[in-house]
N, C-alpha and C. Protein backbone atom coordinates (compact mmCIF):
# COMPACT_ATOMS: atom_id res chain seq x y z
N UNK A 1 0.85 -1.17 0.00
CA UNK A 1 0.00 0.00 0.00
C UNK A 1 0.90 1.23 0.00
N UNK A 2 0.71 2.15 -0.96
CA UNK A 2 1.53 3.35 -1.06
C UNK A 2 0.73 4.58 -0.72
N UNK A 3 1.43 5.66 -0.62
CA UNK A 3 0.80 6.95 -0.34
C UNK A 3 1.00 7.85 -1.53
N UNK A 4 0.00 8.66 -1.80
CA UNK A 4 0.12 9.66 -2.84
C UNK A 4 1.07 10.75 -2.36
N UNK A 5 1.94 11.24 -3.22
CA UNK A 5 2.79 12.35 -2.79
C UNK A 5 1.95 13.59 -2.52
N UNK A 6 2.37 14.37 -1.54
CA UNK A 6 1.67 15.61 -1.22
C UNK A 6 1.81 16.57 -2.39
N UNK A 7 0.74 17.28 -2.74
CA UNK A 7 0.86 18.26 -3.83
C UNK A 7 1.86 19.35 -3.45
N UNK A 8 2.57 19.83 -4.44
CA UNK A 8 3.56 20.88 -4.20
C UNK A 8 2.88 22.18 -3.79
N UNK A 9 3.55 22.92 -2.95
CA UNK A 9 3.04 24.23 -2.54
C UNK A 9 3.26 25.24 -3.67
N UNK A 10 2.39 26.21 -3.72
CA UNK A 10 2.53 27.31 -4.67
C UNK A 10 2.12 28.60 -3.98
N UNK A 11 2.49 29.71 -4.54
CA UNK A 11 2.10 30.97 -3.92
C UNK A 11 0.64 31.26 -4.21
N UNK A 12 -0.01 31.90 -3.27
CA UNK A 12 -1.45 32.16 -3.35
C UNK A 12 -1.82 32.97 -4.58
N UNK A 13 -0.95 33.85 -5.03
CA UNK A 13 -1.27 34.66 -6.21
C UNK A 13 -1.39 33.81 -7.48
N UNK A 14 -0.87 32.59 -7.46
CA UNK A 14 -0.94 31.69 -8.62
C UNK A 14 -2.09 30.69 -8.52
N UNK A 15 -2.79 30.67 -7.39
CA UNK A 15 -3.90 29.73 -7.20
C UNK A 15 -5.05 30.08 -8.13
N UNK A 16 -5.74 29.06 -8.59
CA UNK A 16 -6.91 29.28 -9.44
C UNK A 16 -8.06 29.84 -8.61
N UNK A 17 -8.84 30.70 -9.23
CA UNK A 17 -10.01 31.25 -8.56
C UNK A 17 -10.98 30.12 -8.21
N UNK A 18 -11.38 30.08 -6.95
CA UNK A 18 -12.32 29.07 -6.48
C UNK A 18 -11.69 27.83 -5.89
N UNK A 19 -10.41 27.58 -6.16
CA UNK A 19 -9.75 26.39 -5.63
C UNK A 19 -9.48 26.55 -4.14
N UNK A 20 -9.63 25.48 -3.39
CA UNK A 20 -9.38 25.48 -1.94
C UNK A 20 -7.95 25.04 -1.67
N UNK A 21 -7.33 25.66 -0.68
CA UNK A 21 -5.99 25.28 -0.29
C UNK A 21 -5.79 25.44 1.20
N UNK A 22 -4.62 25.07 1.64
CA UNK A 22 -4.25 25.20 3.05
C UNK A 22 -2.92 25.94 3.10
N UNK A 23 -2.83 26.94 3.99
CA UNK A 23 -1.59 27.71 4.14
C UNK A 23 -0.51 26.80 4.71
N UNK A 24 0.65 26.80 4.07
CA UNK A 24 1.79 26.04 4.60
C UNK A 24 2.90 26.94 5.11
N UNK A 25 2.85 28.23 4.76
CA UNK A 25 3.85 29.16 5.24
C UNK A 25 3.69 30.54 4.64
N UNK A 26 4.36 31.50 5.24
CA UNK A 26 4.36 32.88 4.75
C UNK A 26 5.80 33.36 4.76
N UNK A 27 6.23 33.94 3.64
CA UNK A 27 7.59 34.45 3.53
C UNK A 27 7.53 35.87 2.96
N UNK A 28 7.78 36.85 3.81
CA UNK A 28 7.75 38.25 3.37
C UNK A 28 9.02 38.58 2.59
N UNK A 29 8.92 39.45 1.59
CA UNK A 29 10.11 39.86 0.86
C UNK A 29 11.01 40.74 1.74
N UNK A 30 12.29 40.73 1.45
CA UNK A 30 13.25 41.50 2.24
C UNK A 30 12.89 42.99 2.26
N UNK A 31 12.33 43.49 1.17
CA UNK A 31 11.98 44.91 1.09
C UNK A 31 10.74 45.26 1.91
N UNK A 32 9.94 44.24 2.30
CA UNK A 32 8.71 44.47 3.06
C UNK A 32 8.64 43.50 4.24
N UNK A 33 9.56 43.57 5.19
CA UNK A 33 9.60 42.58 6.27
C UNK A 33 8.35 42.56 7.16
N UNK A 34 7.59 43.65 7.21
CA UNK A 34 6.40 43.69 8.06
C UNK A 34 5.21 42.91 7.48
N UNK A 35 5.27 42.58 6.19
CA UNK A 35 4.15 41.88 5.58
C UNK A 35 3.91 40.53 6.24
N UNK A 36 4.94 39.80 6.61
CA UNK A 36 4.78 38.50 7.24
C UNK A 36 4.00 38.59 8.54
N UNK A 37 4.34 39.55 9.37
CA UNK A 37 3.65 39.77 10.63
C UNK A 37 2.21 40.18 10.38
N UNK A 38 2.01 41.11 9.44
CA UNK A 38 0.67 41.59 9.13
C UNK A 38 -0.21 40.46 8.61
N UNK A 39 0.30 39.64 7.69
CA UNK A 39 -0.48 38.53 7.16
C UNK A 39 -0.84 37.53 8.26
N UNK A 40 0.09 37.27 9.18
CA UNK A 40 -0.20 36.38 10.31
C UNK A 40 -1.29 36.98 11.20
N UNK A 41 -1.23 38.28 11.44
CA UNK A 41 -2.22 38.93 12.30
C UNK A 41 -3.64 38.84 11.74
N UNK A 42 -3.78 38.83 10.42
CA UNK A 42 -5.13 38.77 9.84
C UNK A 42 -5.54 37.33 9.53
N UNK A 43 -4.71 36.35 9.90
CA UNK A 43 -5.16 34.96 9.82
C UNK A 43 -4.41 34.04 8.89
N UNK A 44 -3.41 34.52 8.17
CA UNK A 44 -2.66 33.66 7.25
C UNK A 44 -1.61 32.89 8.03
N UNK A 45 -2.08 31.81 8.66
CA UNK A 45 -1.25 30.97 9.52
C UNK A 45 -1.24 29.55 8.95
N UNK A 46 -0.15 28.81 9.14
CA UNK A 46 -0.10 27.43 8.65
C UNK A 46 -1.29 26.62 9.13
N UNK A 47 -1.88 25.89 8.20
CA UNK A 47 -3.03 25.04 8.50
C UNK A 47 -4.37 25.65 8.18
N UNK A 48 -4.43 26.96 8.01
CA UNK A 48 -5.72 27.62 7.72
C UNK A 48 -6.15 27.35 6.28
N UNK A 49 -7.45 27.16 6.09
CA UNK A 49 -8.02 26.99 4.75
C UNK A 49 -8.09 28.35 4.07
N UNK A 50 -7.81 28.37 2.78
CA UNK A 50 -7.78 29.62 2.03
C UNK A 50 -8.25 29.37 0.60
N UNK A 51 -8.85 30.39 0.01
CA UNK A 51 -9.21 30.32 -1.40
C UNK A 51 -9.22 31.72 -1.99
N UNK A 52 -8.94 31.79 -3.28
CA UNK A 52 -9.07 33.05 -4.03
C UNK A 52 -10.49 33.05 -4.56
N UNK A 53 -11.28 34.04 -4.14
CA UNK A 53 -12.69 34.11 -4.52
C UNK A 53 -12.91 34.87 -5.82
N UNK A 54 -12.07 35.89 -6.06
CA UNK A 54 -12.24 36.70 -7.27
C UNK A 54 -10.96 37.48 -7.52
N UNK A 55 -10.83 37.96 -8.74
CA UNK A 55 -9.70 38.81 -9.13
C UNK A 55 -10.27 40.01 -9.88
N UNK A 56 -9.63 41.15 -9.71
CA UNK A 56 -10.08 42.31 -10.48
C UNK A 56 -9.68 42.11 -11.94
N UNK A 57 -10.13 42.97 -12.81
CA UNK A 57 -9.87 42.81 -14.24
C UNK A 57 -8.38 42.69 -14.56
N UNK A 58 -7.55 43.45 -13.91
CA UNK A 58 -6.11 43.37 -14.14
C UNK A 58 -5.43 42.31 -13.29
N UNK A 59 -6.19 41.62 -12.46
CA UNK A 59 -5.62 40.58 -11.61
C UNK A 59 -5.10 41.08 -10.28
N UNK A 60 -5.24 42.36 -10.02
CA UNK A 60 -4.73 42.94 -8.78
C UNK A 60 -5.71 44.00 -8.31
N UNK A 61 -6.34 43.89 -7.16
CA UNK A 61 -6.11 42.92 -6.09
C UNK A 61 -6.91 41.63 -6.29
N UNK A 62 -6.68 40.70 -5.37
CA UNK A 62 -7.40 39.43 -5.31
C UNK A 62 -8.32 39.47 -4.10
N UNK A 63 -9.49 38.87 -4.22
CA UNK A 63 -10.39 38.71 -3.08
C UNK A 63 -10.11 37.32 -2.53
N UNK A 64 -9.67 37.27 -1.27
CA UNK A 64 -9.21 36.02 -0.67
C UNK A 64 -10.01 35.72 0.58
N UNK A 65 -10.42 34.47 0.71
CA UNK A 65 -11.14 34.01 1.91
C UNK A 65 -10.17 33.16 2.73
N UNK A 66 -9.98 33.55 3.99
CA UNK A 66 -9.14 32.80 4.93
C UNK A 66 -9.98 32.53 6.16
N UNK A 67 -10.19 31.27 6.49
CA UNK A 67 -11.08 30.95 7.60
C UNK A 67 -12.46 31.49 7.31
N UNK A 68 -12.95 32.36 8.19
CA UNK A 68 -14.28 32.95 8.01
C UNK A 68 -14.21 34.42 7.60
N UNK A 69 -13.02 34.89 7.23
CA UNK A 69 -12.83 36.30 6.86
C UNK A 69 -12.50 36.43 5.38
N UNK A 70 -12.85 37.56 4.80
CA UNK A 70 -12.56 37.85 3.40
C UNK A 70 -11.76 39.14 3.33
N UNK A 71 -10.68 39.12 2.53
CA UNK A 71 -9.79 40.27 2.39
C UNK A 71 -9.47 40.52 0.92
N UNK A 72 -9.12 41.75 0.61
CA UNK A 72 -8.54 42.09 -0.69
C UNK A 72 -7.04 42.18 -0.47
N UNK A 73 -6.29 41.38 -1.21
CA UNK A 73 -4.83 41.40 -1.12
C UNK A 73 -4.25 41.81 -2.46
N UNK A 74 -3.22 42.62 -2.41
CA UNK A 74 -2.48 42.90 -3.63
C UNK A 74 -1.76 41.62 -4.05
N UNK A 75 -1.50 41.50 -5.32
CA UNK A 75 -0.84 40.30 -5.84
C UNK A 75 0.50 40.07 -5.13
N UNK A 76 1.26 41.12 -4.87
CA UNK A 76 2.56 41.00 -4.21
C UNK A 76 2.41 40.45 -2.79
N UNK A 77 1.34 40.82 -2.10
CA UNK A 77 1.09 40.30 -0.76
C UNK A 77 0.70 38.82 -0.82
N UNK A 78 -0.19 38.49 -1.77
CA UNK A 78 -0.62 37.10 -1.93
C UNK A 78 0.55 36.20 -2.32
N UNK A 79 1.54 36.75 -3.01
CA UNK A 79 2.71 35.95 -3.42
C UNK A 79 3.53 35.51 -2.21
N UNK A 80 3.37 36.14 -1.07
CA UNK A 80 4.10 35.77 0.15
C UNK A 80 3.54 34.52 0.81
N UNK A 81 2.30 34.18 0.49
CA UNK A 81 1.60 33.08 1.15
C UNK A 81 1.77 31.81 0.32
N UNK A 82 2.36 30.79 0.91
CA UNK A 82 2.51 29.49 0.26
C UNK A 82 1.34 28.61 0.65
N UNK A 83 0.70 28.02 -0.35
CA UNK A 83 -0.47 27.16 -0.11
C UNK A 83 -0.29 25.82 -0.78
N UNK A 84 -0.98 24.84 -0.22
CA UNK A 84 -1.02 23.50 -0.80
C UNK A 84 -2.47 23.23 -1.16
N UNK A 85 -2.70 22.79 -2.38
CA UNK A 85 -4.07 22.54 -2.85
C UNK A 85 -4.71 21.42 -2.05
N UNK A 86 -6.01 21.58 -1.78
CA UNK A 86 -6.78 20.52 -1.14
C UNK A 86 -7.46 19.70 -2.22
N UNK A 87 -7.58 18.40 -2.00
CA UNK A 87 -8.23 17.55 -3.02
C UNK A 87 -9.71 17.86 -3.17
C-alpha cells in the first residue's frame, strides 16, 4: 500500500479562482519585512483553509477568503503566502 505524494506548494497569487488550499507558510520579501507579521495577524497561519474568490480585471487585487474572513490582497502580498491545494 503506497501513499500519494503531497501536492507541491505554490504561492497564493498563482492559485486558481475558487480552488481550496491550506496555508503552509508565509515568507515576506526583504523589502517588506512587516508583511509576514501583518499577514499572520489577519489569519494567514499554517493550517488555515484559504481560497481566491475573485480577481479584479487586471488581476490585482485578489479577493481572498481565509477561515471565516474575506480580504482584498495585492498580488505581491498574496505571493508571500505558500499554499497547498486541497483535493
